[in-house]
Amino acid sequence: MPRSPDLSVRVLALLLVAACGLADARTSDRRQPMDIESGRSDCGLGANATCTLSGNVTITQGTLRIVAASAVVSQVGGAPSRTQLSGGVTLQQELDDGDHIQAVAANVDYDMRNEVMVMTGNVTINQQRGSLTGQRVVYNLKTGQVESGGDGNGRVRMRILPKPTADDGKGTP
């Protein structure tokens, strides 16, 4: 059974979470309805069609919220093959442990055939236990490999905070 363009956006949303190292993303979100809003849509119905959403695209599903200026979902042979989000992409989600994640990038390009997602342009991923910034983050879903890089003289920056201990906040010297 061919997947609909809405499913590809859903897959992209879940993969954005995975790319940020969020295995603990709110699991109940996947069982919630997905709502997509935009100022305009132009969607083909054929097996090799493209669906373009523009004008403050907002995707919500449970605690997951994605905002972008535009989104393009391409199908080949009736199956989604690529999803591109652009114009200041933001992602926010609550995790099962109550923590929150926020990711920001100028663009997100998800190649569904090769299972590779690329976030580019001032990428920032923040979570309670740490952060990652760079100009480009590539996540290979097949291998689980995450690669990040700066641009020119830019650098990748990561901050990993120590895991809280039972003694934290008890005034122990």
N, C-alpha and C. Protein backbone atom coordinates (compact mmCIF):
# COMPACT_ATOMS: atom_id res chain seq x y z
N MET A 1 0.84 -1.18 0.00
CA MET A 1 0.00 0.00 0.00
C MET A 1 0.89 1.24 0.00
N PRO A 2 0.74 2.16 -0.97
CA PRO A 2 1.57 3.36 -1.03
C PRO A 2 1.32 4.26 0.17
N ARG A 3 2.39 4.92 0.61
CA ARG A 3 2.27 5.85 1.72
C ARG A 3 1.85 7.21 1.20
N SER A 4 1.09 7.93 1.97
CA SER A 4 0.62 9.25 1.58
C SER A 4 1.67 10.30 1.91
N PRO A 5 1.60 11.50 1.28
CA PRO A 5 2.55 12.56 1.63
C PRO A 5 2.49 12.90 3.11
N ASP A 6 1.31 12.83 3.74
CA ASP A 6 1.22 13.12 5.17
C ASP A 6 2.08 12.16 5.98
N LEU A 7 2.14 10.90 5.56
CA LEU A 7 2.96 9.93 6.27
C LEU A 7 4.43 10.30 6.15
N SER A 8 4.86 10.81 4.98
CA SER A 8 6.27 11.17 4.84
C SER A 8 6.63 12.32 5.77
N VAL A 9 5.72 13.26 5.96
CA VAL A 9 5.97 14.35 6.90
C VAL A 9 6.07 13.79 8.31
N ARG A 10 5.20 12.82 8.63
CA ARG A 10 5.23 12.17 9.94
C ARG A 10 6.55 11.45 10.15
N VAL A 11 6.99 10.72 9.13
CA VAL A 11 8.27 10.02 9.22
C VAL A 11 9.39 11.03 9.41
N LEU A 12 9.36 12.13 8.67
CA LEU A 12 10.39 13.15 8.82
C LEU A 12 10.41 13.68 10.25
N ALA A 13 9.26 13.95 10.79
CA ALA A 13 9.20 14.47 12.16
C ALA A 13 9.83 13.50 13.15
N LEU A 14 9.50 12.25 13.02
CA LEU A 14 10.06 11.25 13.93
C LEU A 14 11.57 11.11 13.72
N LEU A 15 12.01 11.24 12.47
CA LEU A 15 13.43 11.10 12.20
C LEU A 15 14.21 12.32 12.67
N LEU A 16 13.60 13.48 12.64
CA LEU A 16 14.26 14.65 13.21
C LEU A 16 14.56 14.40 14.68
N VAL A 17 13.61 13.81 15.35
CA VAL A 17 13.80 13.50 16.76
C VAL A 17 14.93 12.49 16.92
N ALA A 18 14.93 11.45 16.10
CA ALA A 18 15.98 10.43 16.19
C ALA A 18 17.35 11.02 15.87
N ALA A 19 17.39 11.93 14.92
CA ALA A 19 18.67 12.52 14.54
C ALA A 19 19.28 13.32 15.67
N CYS A 20 18.48 13.80 16.53
CA CYS A 20 18.98 14.57 17.66
C CYS A 20 19.36 13.66 18.83
N GLY A 21 19.34 12.37 18.61
CA GLY A 21 19.71 11.44 19.66
C GLY A 21 18.62 11.29 20.71
N LEU A 22 17.39 11.33 20.29
CA LEU A 22 16.29 11.35 21.24
C LEU A 22 15.49 10.07 21.22
N ALA A 23 16.11 9.01 21.61
CA ALA A 23 15.40 7.74 21.67
C ALA A 23 14.25 7.81 22.67
N ASP A 24 14.32 8.76 23.60
CA ASP A 24 13.30 8.88 24.63
C ASP A 24 12.20 9.87 24.26
N ALA A 25 12.05 10.20 22.97
CA ALA A 25 11.00 11.13 22.56
C ALA A 25 9.66 10.60 23.03
N ARG A 26 8.75 11.50 23.28
CA ARG A 26 7.43 11.14 23.82
C ARG A 26 6.80 10.06 22.93
N THR A 27 6.79 8.82 23.40
CA THR A 27 6.30 7.70 22.59
C THR A 27 4.82 7.81 22.29
N SER A 28 4.06 8.44 23.16
CA SER A 28 2.62 8.58 22.92
C SER A 28 2.33 9.53 21.75
N ASP A 29 3.29 10.38 21.38
CA ASP A 29 3.08 11.30 20.26
C ASP A 29 2.77 10.55 18.97
N ARG A 30 3.41 9.42 18.77
CA ARG A 30 3.22 8.67 17.53
C ARG A 30 1.79 8.15 17.38
N ARG A 31 1.08 8.05 18.49
CA ARG A 31 -0.30 7.55 18.44
C ARG A 31 -1.32 8.69 18.37
N GLN A 32 -0.84 9.91 18.31
CA GLN A 32 -1.71 11.08 18.24
C GLN A 32 -1.96 11.47 16.78
N PRO A 33 -3.08 12.14 16.51
CA PRO A 33 -3.30 12.62 15.15
C PRO A 33 -2.27 13.69 14.78
N MET A 34 -1.93 13.75 13.51
CA MET A 34 -1.01 14.77 13.02
C MET A 34 -1.83 15.87 12.34
N ASP A 35 -1.56 17.10 12.72
CA ASP A 35 -2.22 18.25 12.12
C ASP A 35 -1.20 19.07 11.36
N ILE A 36 -1.53 19.40 10.11
CA ILE A 36 -0.64 20.17 9.25
C ILE A 36 -1.41 21.40 8.78
N GLU A 37 -0.81 22.57 8.95
CA GLU A 37 -1.42 23.81 8.50
C GLU A 37 -0.41 24.59 7.67
N SER A 38 -0.90 25.30 6.67
CA SER A 38 -0.05 26.18 5.87
C SER A 38 -0.93 27.23 5.21
N GLY A 39 -0.29 28.28 4.73
CA GLY A 39 -1.03 29.33 4.04
C GLY A 39 -1.51 28.88 2.68
N ARG A 40 -0.77 27.93 2.09
CA ARG A 40 -1.10 27.47 0.73
C ARG A 40 -0.59 26.06 0.55
N SER A 41 -1.30 25.27 -0.26
CA SER A 41 -0.81 23.95 -0.64
C SER A 41 -1.05 23.74 -2.12
N ASP A 42 -0.13 23.03 -2.75
CA ASP A 42 -0.22 22.69 -4.16
C ASP A 42 0.26 21.25 -4.27
N CYS A 43 -0.67 20.31 -4.33
CA CYS A 43 -0.33 18.89 -4.26
C CYS A 43 -0.84 18.14 -5.48
N GLY A 44 0.06 17.37 -6.11
CA GLY A 44 -0.33 16.51 -7.20
C GLY A 44 -0.85 15.19 -6.66
N LEU A 45 -1.65 14.50 -7.47
CA LEU A 45 -2.24 13.24 -7.03
C LEU A 45 -1.62 12.02 -7.69
N GLY A 46 -0.71 12.20 -8.63
CA GLY A 46 -0.12 11.08 -9.35
C GLY A 46 0.92 10.33 -8.55
N ALA A 47 1.37 9.21 -9.11
CA ALA A 47 2.37 8.36 -8.45
C ALA A 47 3.73 9.05 -8.35
N ASN A 48 4.01 9.99 -9.25
CA ASN A 48 5.27 10.73 -9.24
C ASN A 48 4.96 12.21 -9.01
N ALA A 49 4.31 12.49 -7.92
CA ALA A 49 3.81 13.84 -7.64
C ALA A 49 4.62 14.54 -6.57
N THR A 50 4.41 15.84 -6.49
CA THR A 50 5.03 16.67 -5.47
C THR A 50 3.93 17.44 -4.75
N CYS A 51 4.10 17.57 -3.45
CA CYS A 51 3.18 18.37 -2.64
C CYS A 51 3.99 19.50 -2.03
N THR A 52 3.61 20.74 -2.34
CA THR A 52 4.31 21.91 -1.83
C THR A 52 3.40 22.65 -0.86
N LEU A 53 3.91 22.87 0.33
CA LEU A 53 3.20 23.63 1.35
C LEU A 53 4.00 24.90 1.60
N SER A 54 3.33 26.04 1.69
CA SER A 54 4.06 27.29 1.93
C SER A 54 3.23 28.20 2.83
N GLY A 55 3.93 29.17 3.40
CA GLY A 55 3.26 30.14 4.25
C GLY A 55 3.08 29.64 5.67
N ASN A 56 4.14 29.72 6.43
CA ASN A 56 4.10 29.34 7.84
C ASN A 56 3.54 27.93 8.04
N VAL A 57 4.27 26.95 7.54
CA VAL A 57 3.89 25.55 7.67
C VAL A 57 4.06 25.13 9.13
N THR A 58 3.03 24.56 9.70
CA THR A 58 3.07 24.09 11.08
C THR A 58 2.59 22.65 11.12
N ILE A 59 3.40 21.79 11.72
CA ILE A 59 3.07 20.38 11.87
C ILE A 59 3.07 20.08 13.36
N THR A 60 1.96 19.55 13.87
CA THR A 60 1.91 19.17 15.28
C THR A 60 1.39 17.75 15.40
N GLN A 61 1.95 17.05 16.38
CA GLN A 61 1.52 15.69 16.70
C GLN A 61 1.86 15.45 18.16
N GLY A 62 0.85 15.45 19.01
CA GLY A 62 1.12 15.33 20.44
C GLY A 62 1.95 16.51 20.91
N THR A 63 3.10 16.24 21.54
CA THR A 63 3.97 17.32 22.01
C THR A 63 4.94 17.80 20.94
N LEU A 64 4.99 17.11 19.79
CA LEU A 64 5.89 17.48 18.69
C LEU A 64 5.31 18.66 17.92
N ARG A 65 6.16 19.66 17.68
CA ARG A 65 5.75 20.83 16.89
C ARG A 65 6.90 21.19 15.96
N ILE A 66 6.60 21.25 14.65
CA ILE A 66 7.58 21.64 13.64
C ILE A 66 7.02 22.85 12.91
N VAL A 67 7.86 23.87 12.72
CA VAL A 67 7.47 25.07 11.99
C VAL A 67 8.52 25.34 10.93
N ALA A 68 8.08 25.66 9.71
CA ALA A 68 8.98 26.01 8.61
C ALA A 68 8.24 26.96 7.69
N ALA A 69 8.98 27.72 6.90
CA ALA A 69 8.34 28.61 5.93
C ALA A 69 7.69 27.80 4.82
N SER A 70 8.36 26.68 4.43
CA SER A 70 7.80 25.86 3.36
C SER A 70 8.24 24.40 3.51
N ALA A 71 7.47 23.52 2.88
CA ALA A 71 7.79 22.09 2.86
C ALA A 71 7.45 21.55 1.49
N VAL A 72 8.31 20.67 0.97
CA VAL A 72 8.07 20.01 -0.31
C VAL A 72 8.24 18.52 -0.08
N VAL A 73 7.19 17.75 -0.41
CA VAL A 73 7.24 16.30 -0.28
C VAL A 73 7.12 15.72 -1.69
N SER A 74 8.13 14.92 -2.09
CA SER A 74 8.14 14.31 -3.42
C SER A 74 7.87 12.82 -3.33
N GLN A 75 7.10 12.32 -4.31
CA GLN A 75 6.82 10.88 -4.40
C GLN A 75 7.38 10.35 -5.70
N VAL A 76 7.87 9.12 -5.67
CA VAL A 76 8.28 8.41 -6.87
C VAL A 76 7.63 7.04 -6.80
N GLY A 77 6.90 6.67 -7.83
CA GLY A 77 6.23 5.38 -7.85
C GLY A 77 5.20 5.24 -6.75
N GLY A 78 4.61 6.34 -6.31
CA GLY A 78 3.58 6.30 -5.29
C GLY A 78 4.09 6.28 -3.87
N ALA A 79 5.41 6.28 -3.69
CA ALA A 79 5.99 6.26 -2.35
C ALA A 79 6.78 7.55 -2.11
N PRO A 80 6.65 8.15 -0.94
CA PRO A 80 7.44 9.35 -0.65
C PRO A 80 8.93 9.07 -0.79
N SER A 81 9.64 9.96 -1.49
CA SER A 81 11.06 9.75 -1.71
C SER A 81 11.92 10.84 -1.06
N ARG A 82 11.36 12.02 -0.87
CA ARG A 82 12.16 13.12 -0.33
C ARG A 82 11.25 14.16 0.30
N THR A 83 11.68 14.70 1.43
CA THR A 83 10.97 15.80 2.08
C THR A 83 11.98 16.90 2.36
N GLN A 84 11.64 18.12 1.96
CA GLN A 84 12.50 19.27 2.18
C GLN A 84 11.72 20.33 2.96
N LEU A 85 12.31 20.77 4.06
CA LEU A 85 11.74 21.86 4.86
C LEU A 85 12.71 23.02 4.77
N SER A 86 12.20 24.24 4.62
CA SER A 86 13.11 25.38 4.50
C SER A 86 12.49 26.62 5.12
N GLY A 87 13.36 27.62 5.25
CA GLY A 87 12.92 28.91 5.75
C GLY A 87 12.85 28.99 7.26
N GLY A 88 13.88 28.55 7.92
CA GLY A 88 13.90 28.60 9.37
C GLY A 88 13.07 27.50 10.00
N VAL A 89 13.61 26.32 10.01
CA VAL A 89 12.91 25.14 10.54
C VAL A 89 13.15 25.04 12.04
N THR A 90 12.09 24.90 12.81
CA THR A 90 12.24 24.66 14.25
C THR A 90 11.45 23.41 14.62
N LEU A 91 12.00 22.68 15.56
CA LEU A 91 11.36 21.48 16.08
C LEU A 91 11.39 21.55 17.59
N GLN A 92 10.28 21.25 18.22
CA GLN A 92 10.22 21.18 19.68
C GLN A 92 9.45 19.93 20.05
N GLN A 93 9.90 19.26 21.11
CA GLN A 93 9.19 18.08 21.57
C GLN A 93 9.52 17.80 23.03
N GLU A 94 8.54 17.27 23.73
CA GLU A 94 8.75 16.81 25.10
C GLU A 94 9.14 15.34 25.04
N LEU A 95 10.07 14.95 25.90
CA LEU A 95 10.52 13.57 25.96
C LEU A 95 9.76 12.82 27.04
N ASP A 96 9.85 11.50 27.00
CA ASP A 96 9.16 10.68 28.01
C ASP A 96 9.60 11.01 29.42
N ASP A 97 10.87 11.42 29.58
CA ASP A 97 11.36 11.72 30.93
C ASP A 97 11.02 13.14 31.38
N GLY A 98 10.24 13.88 30.57
CA GLY A 98 9.84 15.24 30.93
C GLY A 98 10.76 16.31 30.40
N ASP A 99 11.95 15.93 29.92
CA ASP A 99 12.88 16.87 29.32
C ASP A 99 12.28 17.39 28.01
N HIS A 100 12.84 18.48 27.50
CA HIS A 100 12.40 19.05 26.23
C HIS A 100 13.58 19.13 25.28
N ILE A 101 13.30 19.06 24.00
CA ILE A 101 14.31 19.18 22.94
C ILE A 101 13.87 20.31 22.02
N GLN A 102 14.84 21.07 21.55
CA GLN A 102 14.56 22.07 20.53
C GLN A 102 15.68 22.01 19.51
N ALA A 103 15.31 21.95 18.24
CA ALA A 103 16.28 21.96 17.15
C ALA A 103 15.90 23.07 16.18
N VAL A 104 16.91 23.78 15.67
CA VAL A 104 16.70 24.86 14.73
C VAL A 104 17.70 24.70 13.59
N ALA A 105 17.25 24.89 12.35
CA ALA A 105 18.13 24.86 11.18
C ALA A 105 17.48 25.70 10.09
N ALA A 106 18.29 26.20 9.17
CA ALA A 106 17.73 26.94 8.05
C ALA A 106 16.95 26.01 7.13
N ASN A 107 17.49 24.78 6.94
CA ASN A 107 16.89 23.82 6.02
C ASN A 107 17.05 22.40 6.54
N VAL A 108 16.10 21.55 6.18
CA VAL A 108 16.18 20.12 6.47
C VAL A 108 15.81 19.39 5.19
N ASP A 109 16.66 18.44 4.77
CA ASP A 109 16.43 17.65 3.56
C ASP A 109 16.52 16.18 3.94
N TYR A 110 15.42 15.47 3.80
CA TYR A 110 15.38 14.05 4.16
C TYR A 110 15.18 13.21 2.91
N ASP A 111 16.22 12.44 2.54
CA ASP A 111 16.20 11.52 1.41
C ASP A 111 15.71 10.17 1.93
N MET A 112 14.46 9.85 1.67
CA MET A 112 13.85 8.64 2.22
C MET A 112 14.40 7.37 1.58
N ARG A 113 14.79 7.45 0.33
CA ARG A 113 15.33 6.26 -0.35
C ARG A 113 16.65 5.81 0.25
N ASN A 114 17.52 6.77 0.53
CA ASN A 114 18.83 6.44 1.11
C ASN A 114 18.84 6.55 2.63
N GLU A 115 17.73 6.99 3.19
CA GLU A 115 17.57 7.12 4.64
C GLU A 115 18.65 8.03 5.25
N VAL A 116 18.80 9.21 4.63
CA VAL A 116 19.77 10.20 5.10
C VAL A 116 19.04 11.54 5.27
N MET A 117 19.24 12.16 6.42
CA MET A 117 18.67 13.46 6.69
C MET A 117 19.80 14.46 6.88
N VAL A 118 19.68 15.62 6.24
CA VAL A 118 20.70 16.67 6.33
C VAL A 118 20.04 17.95 6.85
N MET A 119 20.56 18.45 7.96
CA MET A 119 20.14 19.74 8.51
C MET A 119 21.26 20.73 8.22
N THR A 120 20.93 21.89 7.61
CA THR A 120 21.97 22.86 7.26
C THR A 120 21.57 24.27 7.70
N GLY A 121 22.60 25.10 7.86
CA GLY A 121 22.41 26.51 8.15
C GLY A 121 22.14 26.79 9.61
N ASN A 122 23.20 27.13 10.33
CA ASN A 122 23.08 27.50 11.74
C ASN A 122 22.26 26.50 12.55
N VAL A 123 22.67 25.25 12.48
CA VAL A 123 21.98 24.17 13.19
C VAL A 123 22.28 24.27 14.68
N THR A 124 21.24 24.25 15.48
CA THR A 124 21.38 24.24 16.93
C THR A 124 20.41 23.22 17.49
N ILE A 125 20.92 22.31 18.30
CA ILE A 125 20.09 21.30 18.95
C ILE A 125 20.33 21.43 20.45
N ASN A 126 19.29 21.73 21.20
CA ASN A 126 19.40 21.91 22.65
C ASN A 126 18.53 20.90 23.38
N GLN A 127 19.10 20.37 24.43
CA GLN A 127 18.42 19.43 25.30
C GLN A 127 18.92 19.72 26.71
N GLN A 128 18.22 19.31 27.72
CA GLN A 128 18.62 19.59 29.10
C GLN A 128 20.05 19.13 29.38
N ARG A 129 20.45 17.99 28.84
CA ARG A 129 21.76 17.43 29.15
C ARG A 129 22.86 17.86 28.18
N GLY A 130 22.55 18.73 27.21
CA GLY A 130 23.61 19.18 26.33
C GLY A 130 23.10 19.85 25.08
N SER A 131 24.08 20.23 24.23
CA SER A 131 23.73 20.93 23.00
C SER A 131 24.75 20.63 21.91
N LEU A 132 24.34 20.88 20.66
CA LEU A 132 25.19 20.72 19.49
C LEU A 132 24.90 21.87 18.56
N THR A 133 25.94 22.56 18.08
CA THR A 133 25.77 23.61 17.08
C THR A 133 26.76 23.38 15.96
N GLY A 134 26.38 23.74 14.76
CA GLY A 134 27.24 23.62 13.59
C GLY A 134 26.47 24.10 12.37
N GLN A 135 27.13 24.11 11.24
CA GLN A 135 26.48 24.54 10.01
C GLN A 135 25.79 23.40 9.28
N ARG A 136 26.18 22.16 9.63
CA ARG A 136 25.63 21.01 8.90
C ARG A 136 25.63 19.79 9.81
N VAL A 137 24.49 19.12 9.91
CA VAL A 137 24.38 17.86 10.65
C VAL A 137 23.75 16.85 9.70
N VAL A 138 24.45 15.72 9.50
CA VAL A 138 23.98 14.65 8.63
C VAL A 138 23.71 13.42 9.48
N TYR A 139 22.52 12.86 9.34
CA TYR A 139 22.14 11.67 10.10
C TYR A 139 21.80 10.55 9.13
N ASN A 140 22.56 9.45 9.20
CA ASN A 140 22.30 8.27 8.38
C ASN A 140 21.47 7.31 9.21
N LEU A 141 20.22 7.14 8.83
CA LEU A 141 19.32 6.29 9.61
C LEU A 141 19.69 4.82 9.52
N LYS A 142 20.31 4.41 8.40
CA LYS A 142 20.69 3.00 8.24
C LYS A 142 21.79 2.62 9.22
N THR A 143 22.76 3.51 9.39
CA THR A 143 23.92 3.18 10.22
C THR A 143 23.86 3.79 11.61
N GLY A 144 23.00 4.79 11.81
CA GLY A 144 22.94 5.49 13.09
C GLY A 144 24.04 6.53 13.24
N GLN A 145 24.83 6.74 12.19
CA GLN A 145 25.94 7.69 12.22
C GLN A 145 25.44 9.13 12.14
N VAL A 146 25.95 9.99 13.02
CA VAL A 146 25.66 11.42 12.98
C VAL A 146 26.97 12.14 12.72
N GLU A 147 27.00 12.95 11.67
CA GLU A 147 28.20 13.70 11.31
C GLU A 147 27.84 15.18 11.33
N SER A 148 28.69 15.99 11.93
CA SER A 148 28.42 17.42 11.94
C SER A 148 29.67 18.18 11.56
N GLY A 149 29.47 19.38 11.00
CA GLY A 149 30.60 20.16 10.55
C GLY A 149 30.31 21.64 10.60
N GLY A 150 31.40 22.40 10.61
CA GLY A 150 31.30 23.85 10.55
C GLY A 150 31.34 24.28 9.10
N ASP A 151 31.35 25.56 8.87
CA ASP A 151 31.40 26.11 7.53
C ASP A 151 32.60 27.04 7.46
N GLY A 152 33.55 26.75 6.56
CA GLY A 152 34.75 27.57 6.47
C GLY A 152 35.54 27.47 7.75
N ASN A 153 35.69 28.60 8.44
CA ASN A 153 36.40 28.60 9.72
C ASN A 153 35.48 28.26 10.89
N GLY A 154 34.22 27.99 10.59
CA GLY A 154 33.27 27.65 11.65
C GLY A 154 33.63 26.33 12.31
N ARG A 155 33.14 26.13 13.48
CA ARG A 155 33.46 24.92 14.23
C ARG A 155 32.18 24.30 14.73
N VAL A 156 32.24 23.02 14.98
CA VAL A 156 31.15 22.31 15.64
C VAL A 156 31.36 22.48 17.13
N ARG A 157 30.31 22.77 17.83
CA ARG A 157 30.41 22.92 19.28
C ARG A 157 29.41 22.00 19.95
N MET A 158 29.90 21.26 20.94
CA MET A 158 29.05 20.38 21.72
C MET A 158 29.26 20.68 23.19
N ARG A 159 28.22 20.60 23.93
CA ARG A 159 28.31 20.72 25.38
C ARG A 159 27.52 19.55 25.95
N ILE A 160 28.20 18.75 26.77
CA ILE A 160 27.57 17.60 27.41
C ILE A 160 27.65 17.83 28.90
N LEU A 161 26.52 17.94 29.52
CA LEU A 161 26.46 18.17 30.96
C LEU A 161 26.52 16.84 31.70
N PRO A 162 27.10 16.84 32.89
CA PRO A 162 27.17 15.59 33.65
C PRO A 162 25.77 15.13 34.05
N LYS A 163 25.64 13.84 34.19
CA LYS A 163 24.38 13.26 34.62
C LYS A 163 24.16 13.65 36.09
N PRO A 164 22.97 14.12 36.42
CA PRO A 164 22.70 14.48 37.82
C PRO A 164 22.87 13.26 38.73
N THR A 165 23.37 13.52 39.92
CA THR A 165 23.54 12.43 40.89
C THR A 165 22.52 12.59 42.01
N ALA A 166 22.43 11.59 42.85
CA ALA A 166 21.50 11.62 43.98
C ALA A 166 21.86 12.73 44.96
N ASP A 167 23.16 13.12 45.01
CA ASP A 167 23.61 14.15 45.94
C ASP A 167 23.33 15.57 45.44
N ASP A 168 23.01 15.74 44.15
CA ASP A 168 22.78 17.08 43.61
C ASP A 168 21.66 17.78 44.36
N GLY A 169 21.93 19.01 44.75
CA GLY A 169 20.93 19.83 45.41
C GLY A 169 20.76 19.57 46.89
N LYS A 170 21.60 18.73 47.49
CA LYS A 170 21.45 18.43 48.92
C LYS A 170 22.46 19.16 49.78
N GLY A 171 23.25 20.02 49.15
CA GLY A 171 24.20 20.81 49.91
C GLY A 171 25.43 20.05 50.37
N THR A 172 25.70 18.89 49.80
CA THR A 172 26.89 18.13 50.19
C THR A 172 28.11 18.81 49.61
N PRO A 173 29.16 19.11 50.41
CA PRO A 173 30.35 19.79 49.91
C PRO A 173 31.16 18.91 48.99
